């Protein structure tokens, strides 16, 4: 992937996470990494494997394609009941 595509992927992950009202700490916990390590993913400071992106997609309840090619319409189509989930750990 080109650097521009990777930056978009990292940005989209953050956008979807914020849209879901999930904290970095929550995603880090689900991924089994530290919050600092997760922050580096969103900032693009670390290499990320396809399997890690897929794991993030599962947690965010979106497809891999949504992470790569996010648009506002995608977020608006997410069912309200999914958005209202109470995150419990």
C-alpha atoms as a PDB file:
ATOM      1  CA  UNK A   1       0.000   0.000   0.000  1.00  0.00           C
ATOM      2  CA  UNK A   2       1.110   3.529  -0.614  1.00  0.00           C
ATOM      3  CA  UNK A   3       1.759   5.870   2.280  1.00  0.00           C
ATOM      4  CA  UNK A   4      -1.317   7.933   1.356  1.00  0.00           C
ATOM      5  CA  UNK A   5      -3.565   4.867   1.483  1.00  0.00           C
ATOM      6  CA  UNK A   6      -2.131   3.831   4.842  1.00  0.00           C
ATOM      7  CA  UNK A   7      -2.714   7.312   6.272  1.00  0.00           C
ATOM      8  CA  UNK A   8      -6.316   7.129   5.102  1.00  0.00           C
ATOM      9  CA  UNK A   9      -6.757   3.695   6.709  1.00  0.00           C
ATOM     10  CA  UNK A  10      -5.387   4.953  10.046  1.00  0.00           C
ATOM     11  CA  UNK A  11      -7.566   8.048   9.861  1.00  0.00           C
ATOM     12  CA  UNK A  12     -10.643   5.977   9.008  1.00  0.00           C
ATOM     13  CA  UNK A  13     -10.017   3.648  11.949  1.00  0.00           C
ATOM     14  CA  UNK A  14      -9.968   6.658  14.257  1.00  0.00           C
ATOM     15  CA  UNK A  15     -13.068   8.192  12.661  1.00  0.00           C
ATOM     16  CA  UNK A  16     -15.068   4.983  13.033  1.00  0.00           C
ATOM     17  CA  UNK A  17     -13.822   4.457  16.601  1.00  0.00           C
ATOM     18  CA  UNK A  18     -14.867   7.973  17.566  1.00  0.00           C
ATOM     19  CA  UNK A  19     -18.215   7.573  15.791  1.00  0.00           C
ATOM     20  CA  UNK A  20     -18.838   4.482  17.910  1.00  0.00           C
ATOM     21  CA  UNK A  21     -17.771   6.353  21.049  1.00  0.00           C
ATOM     22  CA  UNK A  22     -15.121   3.714  21.764  1.00  0.00           C
ATOM     23  CA  UNK A  23     -11.980   4.765  23.571  1.00  0.00           C
ATOM     24  CA  UNK A  24      -8.487   3.849  22.468  1.00  0.00           C
ATOM     25  CA  UNK A  25      -8.194   1.980  25.745  1.00  0.00           C
ATOM     26  CA  UNK A  26     -11.230  -0.166  24.876  1.00  0.00           C
ATOM     27  CA  UNK A  27      -9.853  -1.149  21.467  1.00  0.00           C
ATOM     28  CA  UNK A  28      -6.424  -1.806  22.951  1.00  0.00           C
ATOM     29  CA  UNK A  29      -7.984  -4.090  25.557  1.00  0.00           C
ATOM     30  CA  UNK A  30      -9.918  -6.012  22.891  1.00  0.00           C
ATOM     31  CA  UNK A  31      -6.765  -6.334  20.772  1.00  0.00           C
ATOM     32  CA  UNK A  32      -4.609  -7.375  23.725  1.00  0.00           C
ATOM     33  CA  UNK A  33      -2.196  -4.462  23.398  1.00  0.00           C
ATOM     34  CA  UNK A  34      -1.453  -1.341  25.426  1.00  0.00           C
ATOM     35  CA  UNK A  35      -3.294   1.917  24.856  1.00  0.00           C
ATOM     36  CA  UNK A  36       0.021   3.459  23.833  1.00  0.00           C
ATOM     37  CA  UNK A  37       0.562   0.758  21.192  1.00  0.00           C
ATOM     38  CA  UNK A  38      -2.981   1.298  19.884  1.00  0.00           C
ATOM     39  CA  UNK A  39      -2.441   5.057  19.734  1.00  0.00           C
ATOM     40  CA  UNK A  40       0.621   4.458  17.558  1.00  0.00           C
ATOM     41  CA  UNK A  41      -1.583   2.500  15.134  1.00  0.00           C
ATOM     42  CA  UNK A  42      -3.991   5.413  14.689  1.00  0.00           C
ATOM     43  CA  UNK A  43      -1.117   7.852  14.341  1.00  0.00           C
ATOM     44  CA  UNK A  44       0.591   5.661  11.754  1.00  0.00           C
ATOM     45  CA  UNK A  45       3.760   5.333  13.835  1.00  0.00           C
ATOM     46  CA  UNK A  46       3.820   1.554  13.594  1.00  0.00           C
ATOM     47  CA  UNK A  47       3.450  -1.027  10.882  1.00  0.00           C
ATOM     48  CA  UNK A  48       0.141  -2.844  10.983  1.00  0.00           C
ATOM     49  CA  UNK A  49      -0.648  -6.259   9.574  1.00  0.00           C
ATOM     50  CA  UNK A  50      -3.719  -7.101   7.565  1.00  0.00           C
ATOM     51  CA  UNK A  51      -4.811  -9.450  10.341  1.00  0.00           C
ATOM     52  CA  UNK A  52      -4.639  -6.573  12.844  1.00  0.00           C
ATOM     53  CA  UNK A  53      -6.738  -4.337  10.563  1.00  0.00           C
ATOM     54  CA  UNK A  54      -9.251  -7.176  10.221  1.00  0.00           C
ATOM     55  CA  UNK A  55      -9.390  -7.574  14.018  1.00  0.00           C
ATOM     56  CA  UNK A  56     -10.039  -3.835  14.372  1.00  0.00           C
ATOM     57  CA  UNK A  57     -12.797  -4.055  11.753  1.00  0.00           C
ATOM     58  CA  UNK A  58     -14.482  -6.850  13.727  1.00  0.00           C
ATOM     59  CA  UNK A  59     -14.350  -4.824  16.951  1.00  0.00           C
ATOM     60  CA  UNK A  60     -15.703  -1.734  15.168  1.00  0.00           C
ATOM     61  CA  UNK A  61     -18.393  -3.857  13.463  1.00  0.00           C
ATOM     62  CA  UNK A  62     -17.497  -2.709   9.966  1.00  0.00           C
ATOM     63  CA  UNK A  63     -16.049  -4.422   6.926  1.00  0.00           C
ATOM     64  CA  UNK A  64     -12.450  -4.180   5.869  1.00  0.00           C
ATOM     65  CA  UNK A  65     -13.681  -2.243   2.825  1.00  0.00           C
ATOM     66  CA  UNK A  66     -15.327   0.305   5.130  1.00  0.00           C
ATOM     67  CA  UNK A  67     -11.989   0.945   6.810  1.00  0.00           C
ATOM     68  CA  UNK A  68     -10.197   1.369   3.496  1.00  0.00           C
ATOM     69  CA  UNK A  69     -12.876   3.408   1.717  1.00  0.00           C
ATOM     70  CA  UNK A  70     -14.860   5.135   4.453  1.00  0.00           C
ATOM     71  CA  UNK A  71     -17.465   7.704   3.607  1.00  0.00           C
ATOM     72  CA  UNK A  72     -20.065   9.420   5.774  1.00  0.00           C
ATOM     73  CA  UNK A  73     -22.873   7.420   4.153  1.00  0.00           C
ATOM     74  CA  UNK A  74     -21.298   4.236   5.493  1.00  0.00           C
ATOM     75  CA  UNK A  75     -21.498   5.512   9.057  1.00  0.00           C
ATOM     76  CA  UNK A  76     -25.066   6.688   8.604  1.00  0.00           C
ATOM     77  CA  UNK A  77     -26.150   3.186   7.524  1.00  0.00           C
ATOM     78  CA  UNK A  78     -25.017   1.550  10.761  1.00  0.00           C
ATOM     79  CA  UNK A  79     -28.166   0.428  12.590  1.00  0.00           C
ATOM     80  CA  UNK A  80     -29.084   2.544  15.595  1.00  0.00           C
ATOM     81  CA  UNK A  81     -29.126  -0.472  17.913  1.00  0.00           C
ATOM     82  CA  UNK A  82     -25.468  -1.133  17.126  1.00  0.00           C
ATOM     83  CA  UNK A  83     -24.597   2.494  17.889  1.00  0.00           C
ATOM     84  CA  UNK A  84     -26.410   2.277  21.210  1.00  0.00           C
ATOM     85  CA  UNK A  85     -24.352  -0.672  22.468  1.00  0.00           C
ATOM     86  CA  UNK A  86     -23.059  -0.209  25.956  1.00  0.00           C
ATOM     87  CA  UNK A  87     -19.457  -1.208  25.982  1.00  0.00           C
ATOM     88  CA  UNK A  88     -18.712  -3.597  28.802  1.00  0.00           C
ATOM     89  CA  UNK A  89     -15.415  -5.252  29.479  1.00  0.00           C
END
